[in-house]
């Protein structure tokens, strides 16, 4: 998977105000694409 494709589906960008709900929604979007067996995030 191209990193830019994963980041586009994640839906957050550098410099945006931190929003945990948007980050969680992006993780769900990535998970439900069906291409990954595990998706997690560390801050």
ModelCIF file with pLDDT and N, C-alpha, C, O atoms, coordinates in Angstrom:
data_MODEL
#
_entry.id   MODEL 
#
_entity.id                         1 
_entity.type                       polymer 
_entity.pdbx_number_of_molecules   1 
#
_entity_poly.entity_id                      1 
_entity_poly.type                           'polypeptide(L)' 
_entity_poly.nstd_linkage                   no 
_entity_poly.nstd_monomer                   no 
_entity_poly.pdbx_seq_one_letter_code       
;(UNK)(UNK)(UNK)(UNK)(UNK)(UNK)(UNK)(UNK)(UNK)(UNK)(UNK)(UNK)(UNK)(UNK)(UNK)(UNK)
(UNK)(UNK)(UNK)(UNK)(UNK)(UNK)(UNK)(UNK)(UNK)(UNK)(UNK)(UNK)(UNK)(UNK)(UNK)(UNK)
(UNK)(UNK)(UNK)(UNK)(UNK)(UNK)(UNK)(UNK)(UNK)(UNK)(UNK)
;
_entity_poly.pdbx_seq_one_letter_code_can   XXXXXXXXXXXXXXXXXXXXXXXXXXXXXXXXXXXXXXXXXXX 
_entity_poly.pdbx_strand_id                 A 
#
loop_
_entity_poly_seq.entity_id 
_entity_poly_seq.num 
_entity_poly_seq.mon_id 
_entity_poly_seq.hetero 
1 1  UNK n 
1 2  UNK n 
1 3  UNK n 
1 4  UNK n 
1 5  UNK n 
1 6  UNK n 
1 7  UNK n 
1 8  UNK n 
1 9  UNK n 
1 10 UNK n 
1 11 UNK n 
1 12 UNK n 
1 13 UNK n 
1 14 UNK n 
1 15 UNK n 
1 16 UNK n 
1 17 UNK n 
1 18 UNK n 
1 19 UNK n 
1 20 UNK n 
1 21 UNK n 
1 22 UNK n 
1 23 UNK n 
1 24 UNK n 
1 25 UNK n 
1 26 UNK n 
1 27 UNK n 
1 28 UNK n 
1 29 UNK n 
1 30 UNK n 
1 31 UNK n 
1 32 UNK n 
1 33 UNK n 
1 34 UNK n 
1 35 UNK n 
1 36 UNK n 
1 37 UNK n 
1 38 UNK n 
1 39 UNK n 
1 40 UNK n 
1 41 UNK n 
1 42 UNK n 
1 43 UNK n 
#
_struct_asym.id          A 
_struct_asym.entity_id   1 
#
loop_
_ma_qa_metric.id 
_ma_qa_metric.mode 
_ma_qa_metric.name 
_ma_qa_metric.software_group_id 
_ma_qa_metric.type 
1 global pLDDT . pLDDT 
2 local  pLDDT . pLDDT 
#
_ma_qa_metric_global.metric_id      1 
_ma_qa_metric_global.metric_value   94.40 
_ma_qa_metric_global.model_id       1 
_ma_qa_metric_global.ordinal_id     1 
#
loop_
_ma_qa_metric_local.label_asym_id 
_ma_qa_metric_local.label_comp_id 
_ma_qa_metric_local.label_seq_id 
_ma_qa_metric_local.metric_id 
_ma_qa_metric_local.metric_value 
_ma_qa_metric_local.model_id 
_ma_qa_metric_local.ordinal_id 
A UNK 1  2 95.00 1 1  
A UNK 2  2 96.00 1 2  
A UNK 3  2 95.00 1 3  
A UNK 4  2 95.00 1 4  
A UNK 5  2 96.00 1 5  
A UNK 6  2 96.00 1 6  
A UNK 7  2 95.00 1 7  
A UNK 8  2 95.00 1 8  
A UNK 9  2 95.00 1 9  
A UNK 10 2 95.00 1 10 
A UNK 11 2 93.00 1 11 
A UNK 12 2 94.00 1 12 
A UNK 13 2 94.00 1 13 
A UNK 14 2 94.00 1 14 
A UNK 15 2 92.00 1 15 
A UNK 16 2 94.00 1 16 
A UNK 17 2 95.00 1 17 
A UNK 18 2 94.00 1 18 
A UNK 19 2 93.00 1 19 
A UNK 20 2 92.00 1 20 
A UNK 21 2 95.00 1 21 
A UNK 22 2 94.00 1 22 
A UNK 23 2 95.00 1 23 
A UNK 24 2 96.00 1 24 
A UNK 25 2 96.00 1 25 
A UNK 26 2 95.00 1 26 
A UNK 27 2 95.00 1 27 
A UNK 28 2 95.00 1 28 
A UNK 29 2 94.00 1 29 
A UNK 30 2 95.00 1 30 
A UNK 31 2 94.00 1 31 
A UNK 32 2 93.00 1 32 
A UNK 33 2 91.00 1 33 
A UNK 34 2 91.00 1 34 
A UNK 35 2 94.00 1 35 
A UNK 36 2 95.00 1 36 
A UNK 37 2 93.00 1 37 
A UNK 38 2 95.00 1 38 
A UNK 39 2 95.00 1 39 
A UNK 40 2 96.00 1 40 
A UNK 41 2 95.00 1 41 
A UNK 42 2 95.00 1 42 
A UNK 43 2 94.00 1 43 
#
loop_
_atom_site.group_PDB 
_atom_site.id 
_atom_site.type_symbol 
_atom_site.label_atom_id 
_atom_site.label_alt_id 
_atom_site.label_comp_id 
_atom_site.label_asym_id 
_atom_site.label_entity_id 
_atom_site.label_seq_id 
_atom_site.pdbx_PDB_ins_code 
_atom_site.Cartn_x 
_atom_site.Cartn_y 
_atom_site.Cartn_z 
_atom_site.occupancy 
_atom_site.B_iso_or_equiv 
_atom_site.pdbx_formal_charge 
_atom_site.auth_seq_id 
_atom_site.auth_comp_id 
_atom_site.auth_asym_id 
_atom_site.auth_atom_id 
_atom_site.pdbx_PDB_model_num 
ATOM 1   N N  . UNK A 1 1  ? 0.823   -1.204 0.000  1.00 95.00 ? 1  UNK A N  1 
ATOM 2   C CA . UNK A 1 1  ? 0.000   0.000  0.000  1.00 95.00 ? 1  UNK A CA 1 
ATOM 3   C C  . UNK A 1 1  ? 0.857   1.254  0.000  1.00 95.00 ? 1  UNK A C  1 
ATOM 4   O O  . UNK A 1 1  ? 1.811   1.358  0.771  1.00 95.00 ? 1  UNK A O  1 
ATOM 5   N N  . UNK A 1 2  ? 0.522   2.205  -0.862 1.00 96.00 ? 2  UNK A N  1 
ATOM 6   C CA . UNK A 1 2  ? 1.203   3.485  -0.867 1.00 96.00 ? 2  UNK A CA 1 
ATOM 7   C C  . UNK A 1 2  ? 0.850   4.250  0.408  1.00 96.00 ? 2  UNK A C  1 
ATOM 8   O O  . UNK A 1 2  ? -0.308  4.274  0.825  1.00 96.00 ? 2  UNK A O  1 
ATOM 9   N N  . UNK A 1 3  ? 1.863   4.879  1.027  1.00 95.00 ? 3  UNK A N  1 
ATOM 10  C CA . UNK A 1 3  ? 1.630   5.645  2.259  1.00 95.00 ? 3  UNK A CA 1 
ATOM 11  C C  . UNK A 1 3  ? 0.639   6.780  2.014  1.00 95.00 ? 3  UNK A C  1 
ATOM 12  O O  . UNK A 1 3  ? -0.203  7.058  2.867  1.00 95.00 ? 3  UNK A O  1 
ATOM 13  N N  . UNK A 1 4  ? 0.731   7.434  0.865  1.00 95.00 ? 4  UNK A N  1 
ATOM 14  C CA . UNK A 1 4  ? -0.184  8.560  0.601  1.00 95.00 ? 4  UNK A CA 1 
ATOM 15  C C  . UNK A 1 4  ? -1.634  8.094  0.492  1.00 95.00 ? 4  UNK A C  1 
ATOM 16  O O  . UNK A 1 4  ? -2.546  8.848  0.831  1.00 95.00 ? 4  UNK A O  1 
ATOM 17  N N  . UNK A 1 5  ? -1.865  6.852  0.021  1.00 96.00 ? 5  UNK A N  1 
ATOM 18  C CA . UNK A 1 5  ? -3.225  6.314  -0.049 1.00 96.00 ? 5  UNK A CA 1 
ATOM 19  C C  . UNK A 1 5  ? -3.777  6.073  1.352  1.00 96.00 ? 5  UNK A C  1 
ATOM 20  O O  . UNK A 1 5  ? -4.937  6.378  1.626  1.00 96.00 ? 5  UNK A O  1 
ATOM 21  N N  . UNK A 1 6  ? -2.949  5.527  2.236  1.00 96.00 ? 6  UNK A N  1 
ATOM 22  C CA . UNK A 1 6  ? -3.380  5.292  3.616  1.00 96.00 ? 6  UNK A CA 1 
ATOM 23  C C  . UNK A 1 6  ? -3.635  6.611  4.336  1.00 96.00 ? 6  UNK A C  1 
ATOM 24  O O  . UNK A 1 6  ? -4.615  6.743  5.069  1.00 96.00 ? 6  UNK A O  1 
ATOM 25  N N  . UNK A 1 7  ? -2.754  7.587  4.127  1.00 95.00 ? 7  UNK A N  1 
ATOM 26  C CA . UNK A 1 7  ? -2.928  8.890  4.790  1.00 95.00 ? 7  UNK A CA 1 
ATOM 27  C C  . UNK A 1 7  ? -4.159  9.622  4.267  1.00 95.00 ? 7  UNK A C  1 
ATOM 28  O O  . UNK A 1 7  ? -4.832  10.320 5.026  1.00 95.00 ? 7  UNK A O  1 
ATOM 29  N N  . UNK A 1 8  ? -4.459  9.470  2.988  1.00 95.00 ? 8  UNK A N  1 
ATOM 30  C CA . UNK A 1 8  ? -5.659  10.107 2.440  1.00 95.00 ? 8  UNK A CA 1 
ATOM 31  C C  . UNK A 1 8  ? -6.912  9.523  3.072  1.00 95.00 ? 8  UNK A C  1 
ATOM 32  O O  . UNK A 1 8  ? -7.852  10.258 3.371  1.00 95.00 ? 8  UNK A O  1 
ATOM 33  N N  . UNK A 1 9  ? -6.939  8.200  3.281  1.00 95.00 ? 9  UNK A N  1 
ATOM 34  C CA . UNK A 1 9  ? -8.097  7.561  3.915  1.00 95.00 ? 9  UNK A CA 1 
ATOM 35  C C  . UNK A 1 9  ? -8.166  7.888  5.406  1.00 95.00 ? 9  UNK A C  1 
ATOM 36  O O  . UNK A 1 9  ? -9.248  7.900  5.993  1.00 95.00 ? 9  UNK A O  1 
ATOM 37  N N  . UNK A 1 10 ? -7.011  8.152  6.016  1.00 95.00 ? 10 UNK A N  1 
ATOM 38  C CA . UNK A 1 10 ? -7.004  8.506  7.437  1.00 95.00 ? 10 UNK A CA 1 
ATOM 39  C C  . UNK A 1 10 ? -7.736  9.825  7.660  1.00 95.00 ? 10 UNK A C  1 
ATOM 40  O O  . UNK A 1 10 ? -8.438  9.980  8.659  1.00 95.00 ? 10 UNK A O  1 
ATOM 41  N N  . UNK A 1 11 ? -7.580  10.770 6.745  1.00 93.00 ? 11 UNK A N  1 
ATOM 42  C CA . UNK A 1 11 ? -8.384  11.985 6.784  1.00 93.00 ? 11 UNK A CA 1 
ATOM 43  C C  . UNK A 1 11 ? -7.903  13.080 7.711  1.00 93.00 ? 11 UNK A C  1 
ATOM 44  O O  . UNK A 1 11 ? -8.659  14.012 7.985  1.00 93.00 ? 11 UNK A O  1 
ATOM 45  N N  . UNK A 1 12 ? -6.688  13.012 8.202  1.00 94.00 ? 12 UNK A N  1 
ATOM 46  C CA . UNK A 1 12 ? -6.128  14.104 9.009  1.00 94.00 ? 12 UNK A CA 1 
ATOM 47  C C  . UNK A 1 12 ? -4.846  14.573 8.343  1.00 94.00 ? 12 UNK A C  1 
ATOM 48  O O  . UNK A 1 12 ? -4.161  13.799 7.674  1.00 94.00 ? 12 UNK A O  1 
ATOM 49  N N  . UNK A 1 13 ? -4.528  15.851 8.534  1.00 94.00 ? 13 UNK A N  1 
ATOM 50  C CA . UNK A 1 13 ? -3.334  16.428 7.910  1.00 94.00 ? 13 UNK A CA 1 
ATOM 51  C C  . UNK A 1 13 ? -2.486  17.132 8.954  1.00 94.00 ? 13 UNK A C  1 
ATOM 52  O O  . UNK A 1 13 ? -2.961  17.561 10.005 1.00 94.00 ? 13 UNK A O  1 
ATOM 53  N N  . UNK A 1 14 ? -1.219  17.228 8.617  1.00 94.00 ? 14 UNK A N  1 
ATOM 54  C CA . UNK A 1 14 ? -0.308  17.962 9.496  1.00 94.00 ? 14 UNK A CA 1 
ATOM 55  C C  . UNK A 1 14 ? -0.777  19.407 9.608  1.00 94.00 ? 14 UNK A C  1 
ATOM 56  O O  . UNK A 1 14 ? -1.124  20.041 8.611  1.00 94.00 ? 14 UNK A O  1 
ATOM 57  N N  . UNK A 1 15 ? -0.781  19.915 10.830 1.00 92.00 ? 15 UNK A N  1 
ATOM 58  C CA . UNK A 1 15 ? -1.183  21.294 11.075 1.00 92.00 ? 15 UNK A CA 1 
ATOM 59  C C  . UNK A 1 15 ? -2.639  21.447 11.462 1.00 92.00 ? 15 UNK A C  1 
ATOM 60  O O  . UNK A 1 15 ? -3.008  22.478 12.022 1.00 92.00 ? 15 UNK A O  1 
ATOM 61  N N  . UNK A 1 16 ? -3.499  20.442 11.181 1.00 94.00 ? 16 UNK A N  1 
ATOM 62  C CA . UNK A 1 16 ? -4.903  20.498 11.600 1.00 94.00 ? 16 UNK A CA 1 
ATOM 63  C C  . UNK A 1 16 ? -4.981  20.456 13.121 1.00 94.00 ? 16 UNK A C  1 
ATOM 64  O O  . UNK A 1 16 ? -4.096  19.913 13.782 1.00 94.00 ? 16 UNK A O  1 
ATOM 65  N N  . UNK A 1 17 ? -6.036  21.028 13.665 1.00 95.00 ? 17 UNK A N  1 
ATOM 66  C CA . UNK A 1 17 ? -6.276  20.944 15.110 1.00 95.00 ? 17 UNK A CA 1 
ATOM 67  C C  . UNK A 1 17 ? -6.527  19.483 15.465 1.00 95.00 ? 17 UNK A C  1 
ATOM 68  O O  . UNK A 1 17 ? -7.296  18.796 14.793 1.00 95.00 ? 17 UNK A O  1 
ATOM 69  N N  . UNK A 1 18 ? -5.872  19.012 16.528 1.00 94.00 ? 18 UNK A N  1 
ATOM 70  C CA . UNK A 1 18 ? -6.002  17.612 16.917 1.00 94.00 ? 18 UNK A CA 1 
ATOM 71  C C  . UNK A 1 18 ? -7.439  17.323 17.315 1.00 94.00 ? 18 UNK A C  1 
ATOM 72  O O  . UNK A 1 18 ? -8.031  18.037 18.125 1.00 94.00 ? 18 UNK A O  1 
ATOM 73  N N  . UNK A 1 19 ? -7.999  16.249 16.724 1.00 93.00 ? 19 UNK A N  1 
ATOM 74  C CA . UNK A 1 19 ? -9.361  15.831 17.007 1.00 93.00 ? 19 UNK A CA 1 
ATOM 75  C C  . UNK A 1 19 ? -9.361  14.307 17.061 1.00 93.00 ? 19 UNK A C  1 
ATOM 76  O O  . UNK A 1 19 ? -9.212  13.643 16.035 1.00 93.00 ? 19 UNK A O  1 
ATOM 77  N N  . UNK A 1 20 ? -9.528  13.759 18.258 1.00 92.00 ? 20 UNK A N  1 
ATOM 78  C CA . UNK A 1 20 ? -9.478  12.309 18.441 1.00 92.00 ? 20 UNK A CA 1 
ATOM 79  C C  . UNK A 1 20 ? -10.613 11.608 17.709 1.00 92.00 ? 20 UNK A C  1 
ATOM 80  O O  . UNK A 1 20 ? -10.428 10.487 17.234 1.00 92.00 ? 20 UNK A O  1 
ATOM 81  N N  . UNK A 1 21 ? -11.786 12.237 17.602 1.00 95.00 ? 21 UNK A N  1 
ATOM 82  C CA . UNK A 1 21 ? -12.905 11.626 16.894 1.00 95.00 ? 21 UNK A CA 1 
ATOM 83  C C  . UNK A 1 21 ? -12.597 11.473 15.404 1.00 95.00 ? 21 UNK A C  1 
ATOM 84  O O  . UNK A 1 21 ? -12.913 10.441 14.812 1.00 95.00 ? 21 UNK A O  1 
ATOM 85  N N  . UNK A 1 22 ? -11.988 12.481 14.798 1.00 94.00 ? 22 UNK A N  1 
ATOM 86  C CA . UNK A 1 22 ? -11.609 12.380 13.386 1.00 94.00 ? 22 UNK A CA 1 
ATOM 87  C C  . UNK A 1 22 ? -10.562 11.292 13.168 1.00 94.00 ? 22 UNK A C  1 
ATOM 88  O O  . UNK A 1 22 ? -10.597 10.577 12.167 1.00 94.00 ? 22 UNK A O  1 
ATOM 89  N N  . UNK A 1 23 ? -9.638  11.175 14.108 1.00 95.00 ? 23 UNK A N  1 
ATOM 90  C CA . UNK A 1 23 ? -8.608  10.149 14.027 1.00 95.00 ? 23 UNK A CA 1 
ATOM 91  C C  . UNK A 1 23 ? -9.229  8.756  14.136 1.00 95.00 ? 23 UNK A C  1 
ATOM 92  O O  . UNK A 1 23 ? -8.860  7.859  13.379 1.00 95.00 ? 23 UNK A O  1 
ATOM 93  N N  . UNK A 1 24 ? -10.160 8.564  15.061 1.00 96.00 ? 24 UNK A N  1 
ATOM 94  C CA . UNK A 1 24 ? -10.846 7.279  15.200 1.00 96.00 ? 24 UNK A CA 1 
ATOM 95  C C  . UNK A 1 24 ? -11.673 6.942  13.961 1.00 96.00 ? 24 UNK A C  1 
ATOM 96  O O  . UNK A 1 24 ? -11.689 5.795  13.514 1.00 96.00 ? 24 UNK A O  1 
ATOM 97  N N  . UNK A 1 25 ? -12.356 7.938  13.409 1.00 96.00 ? 25 UNK A N  1 
ATOM 98  C CA . UNK A 1 25 ? -13.140 7.711  12.189 1.00 96.00 ? 25 UNK A CA 1 
ATOM 99  C C  . UNK A 1 25 ? -12.230 7.301  11.035 1.00 96.00 ? 25 UNK A C  1 
ATOM 100 O O  . UNK A 1 25 ? -12.600 6.441  10.236 1.00 96.00 ? 25 UNK A O  1 
ATOM 101 N N  . UNK A 1 26 ? -11.057 7.897  10.937 1.00 95.00 ? 26 UNK A N  1 
ATOM 102 C CA . UNK A 1 26 ? -10.099 7.530  9.904  1.00 95.00 ? 26 UNK A CA 1 
ATOM 103 C C  . UNK A 1 26 ? -9.594  6.106  10.075 1.00 95.00 ? 26 UNK A C  1 
ATOM 104 O O  . UNK A 1 26 ? -9.423  5.383  9.093  1.00 95.00 ? 26 UNK A O  1 
ATOM 105 N N  . UNK A 1 27 ? -9.354  5.699  11.320 1.00 95.00 ? 27 UNK A N  1 
ATOM 106 C CA . UNK A 1 27 ? -8.925  4.322  11.588 1.00 95.00 ? 27 UNK A CA 1 
ATOM 107 C C  . UNK A 1 27 ? -10.008 3.336  11.158 1.00 95.00 ? 27 UNK A C  1 
ATOM 108 O O  . UNK A 1 27 ? -9.703  2.298  10.570 1.00 95.00 ? 27 UNK A O  1 
ATOM 109 N N  . UNK A 1 28 ? -11.277 3.655  11.450 1.00 95.00 ? 28 UNK A N  1 
ATOM 110 C CA . UNK A 1 28 ? -12.375 2.786  11.035 1.00 95.00 ? 28 UNK A CA 1 
ATOM 111 C C  . UNK A 1 28 ? -12.459 2.704  9.504  1.00 95.00 ? 28 UNK A C  1 
ATOM 112 O O  . UNK A 1 28 ? -12.687 1.630  8.947  1.00 95.00 ? 28 UNK A O  1 
ATOM 113 N N  . UNK A 1 29 ? -12.274 3.848  8.831  1.00 94.00 ? 29 UNK A N  1 
ATOM 114 C CA . UNK A 1 29 ? -12.288 3.845  7.361  1.00 94.00 ? 29 UNK A CA 1 
ATOM 115 C C  . UNK A 1 29 ? -11.216 2.912  6.808  1.00 94.00 ? 29 UNK A C  1 
ATOM 116 O O  . UNK A 1 29 ? -11.477 2.132  5.892  1.00 94.00 ? 29 UNK A O  1 
ATOM 117 N N  . UNK A 1 30 ? -10.027 2.994  7.357  1.00 95.00 ? 30 UNK A N  1 
ATOM 118 C CA . UNK A 1 30 ? -8.934  2.125  6.908  1.00 95.00 ? 30 UNK A CA 1 
ATOM 119 C C  . UNK A 1 30 ? -9.237  0.656  7.193  1.00 95.00 ? 30 UNK A C  1 
ATOM 120 O O  . UNK A 1 30 ? -8.989  -0.211 6.355  1.00 95.00 ? 30 UNK A O  1 
ATOM 121 N N  . UNK A 1 31 ? -9.765  0.390  8.362  1.00 94.00 ? 31 UNK A N  1 
ATOM 122 C CA . UNK A 1 31 ? -10.070 -0.983 8.758  1.00 94.00 ? 31 UNK A CA 1 
ATOM 123 C C  . UNK A 1 31 ? -11.103 -1.598 7.817  1.00 94.00 ? 31 UNK A C  1 
ATOM 124 O O  . UNK A 1 31 ? -10.948 -2.737 7.376  1.00 94.00 ? 31 UNK A O  1 
ATOM 125 N N  . UNK A 1 32 ? -12.153 -0.843 7.511  1.00 93.00 ? 32 UNK A N  1 
ATOM 126 C CA . UNK A 1 32 ? -13.245 -1.376 6.703  1.00 93.00 ? 32 UNK A CA 1 
ATOM 127 C C  . UNK A 1 32 ? -12.945 -1.415 5.214  1.00 93.00 ? 32 UNK A C  1 
ATOM 128 O O  . UNK A 1 32 ? -13.776 -1.899 4.445  1.00 93.00 ? 32 UNK A O  1 
ATOM 129 N N  . UNK A 1 33 ? -11.788 -0.923 4.775  1.00 91.00 ? 33 UNK A N  1 
ATOM 130 C CA . UNK A 1 33 ? -11.396 -1.097 3.379  1.00 91.00 ? 33 UNK A CA 1 
ATOM 131 C C  . UNK A 1 33 ? -11.146 -2.573 3.076  1.00 91.00 ? 33 UNK A C  1 
ATOM 132 O O  . UNK A 1 33 ? -11.264 -3.000 1.927  1.00 91.00 ? 33 UNK A O  1 
ATOM 133 N N  . UNK A 1 34 ? -10.804 -3.349 4.098  1.00 91.00 ? 34 UNK A N  1 
ATOM 134 C CA . UNK A 1 34 ? -10.588 -4.780 3.912  1.00 91.00 ? 34 UNK A CA 1 
ATOM 135 C C  . UNK A 1 34 ? -9.190  -5.152 3.463  1.00 91.00 ? 34 UNK A C  1 
ATOM 136 O O  . UNK A 1 34 ? -8.922  -6.320 3.182  1.00 91.00 ? 34 UNK A O  1 
ATOM 137 N N  . UNK A 1 35 ? -8.298  -4.186 3.392  1.00 94.00 ? 35 UNK A N  1 
ATOM 138 C CA . UNK A 1 35 ? -6.932  -4.465 2.941  1.00 94.00 ? 35 UNK A CA 1 
ATOM 139 C C  . UNK A 1 35 ? -5.988  -4.761 4.095  1.00 94.00 ? 35 UNK A C  1 
ATOM 140 O O  . UNK A 1 35 ? -4.891  -5.277 3.881  1.00 94.00 ? 35 UNK A O  1 
ATOM 141 N N  . UNK A 1 36 ? -6.402  -4.439 5.321  1.00 95.00 ? 36 UNK A N  1 
ATOM 142 C CA . UNK A 1 36 ? -5.511  -4.581 6.471  1.00 95.00 ? 36 UNK A CA 1 
ATOM 143 C C  . UNK A 1 36 ? -6.098  -5.556 7.484  1.00 95.00 ? 36 UNK A C  1 
ATOM 144 O O  . UNK A 1 36 ? -7.309  -5.592 7.702  1.00 95.00 ? 36 UNK A O  1 
ATOM 145 N N  . UNK A 1 37 ? -5.226  -6.342 8.094  1.00 93.00 ? 37 UNK A N  1 
ATOM 146 C CA . UNK A 1 37 ? -5.663  -7.232 9.166  1.00 93.00 ? 37 UNK A CA 1 
ATOM 147 C C  . UNK A 1 37 ? -5.547  -6.555 10.525 1.00 93.00 ? 37 UNK A C  1 
ATOM 148 O O  . UNK A 1 37 ? -6.146  -7.010 11.499 1.00 93.00 ? 37 UNK A O  1 
ATOM 149 N N  . UNK A 1 38 ? -4.771  -5.460 10.596 1.00 95.00 ? 38 UNK A N  1 
ATOM 150 C CA . UNK A 1 38 ? -4.660  -4.698 11.843 1.00 95.00 ? 38 UNK A CA 1 
ATOM 151 C C  . UNK A 1 38 ? -4.326  -3.249 11.516 1.00 95.00 ? 38 UNK A C  1 
ATOM 152 O O  . UNK A 1 38 ? -3.496  -2.966 10.652 1.00 95.00 ? 38 UNK A O  1 
ATOM 153 N N  . UNK A 1 39 ? -4.986  -2.342 12.219 1.00 95.00 ? 39 UNK A N  1 
ATOM 154 C CA . UNK A 1 39 ? -4.744  -0.907 12.064 1.00 95.00 ? 39 UNK A CA 1 
ATOM 155 C C  . UNK A 1 39 ? -4.742  -0.290 13.453 1.00 95.00 ? 39 UNK A C  1 
ATOM 156 O O  . UNK A 1 39 ? -5.676  -0.493 14.228 1.00 95.00 ? 39 UNK A O  1 
ATOM 157 N N  . UNK A 1 40 ? -3.692  0.464  13.769 1.00 96.00 ? 40 UNK A N  1 
ATOM 158 C CA . UNK A 1 40 ? -3.635  1.158  15.058 1.00 96.00 ? 40 UNK A CA 1 
ATOM 159 C C  . UNK A 1 40 ? -2.854  2.455  14.881 1.00 96.00 ? 40 UNK A C  1 
ATOM 160 O O  . UNK A 1 40 ? -2.204  2.675  13.859 1.00 96.00 ? 40 UNK A O  1 
ATOM 161 N N  . UNK A 1 41 ? -2.932  3.297  15.886 1.00 95.00 ? 41 UNK A N  1 
ATOM 162 C CA . UNK A 1 41 ? -2.256  4.586  15.818 1.00 95.00 ? 41 UNK A CA 1 
ATOM 163 C C  . UNK A 1 41 ? -1.581  4.867  17.157 1.00 95.00 ? 41 UNK A C  1 
ATOM 164 O O  . UNK A 1 41 ? -2.100  4.522  18.218 1.00 95.00 ? 41 UNK A O  1 
ATOM 165 N N  . UNK A 1 42 ? -0.429  5.493  17.083 1.00 95.00 ? 42 UNK A N  1 
ATOM 166 C CA . UNK A 1 42 ? 0.291   5.944  18.284 1.00 95.00 ? 42 UNK A CA 1 
ATOM 167 C C  . UNK A 1 42 ? 0.505   7.446  18.159 1.00 95.00 ? 42 UNK A C  1 
ATOM 168 O O  . UNK A 1 42 ? 0.823   7.951  17.082 1.00 95.00 ? 42 UNK A O  1 
ATOM 169 N N  . UNK A 1 43 ? 0.329   8.149  19.264 1.00 94.00 ? 43 UNK A N  1 
ATOM 170 C CA . UNK A 1 43 ? 0.601   9.590  19.270 1.00 94.00 ? 43 UNK A CA 1 
ATOM 171 C C  . UNK A 1 43 ? 1.654   9.881  20.331 1.00 94.00 ? 43 UNK A C  1 
ATOM 172 O O  . UNK A 1 43 ? 2.042   11.034 20.516 1.00 94.00 ? 43 UNK A O  1 
#
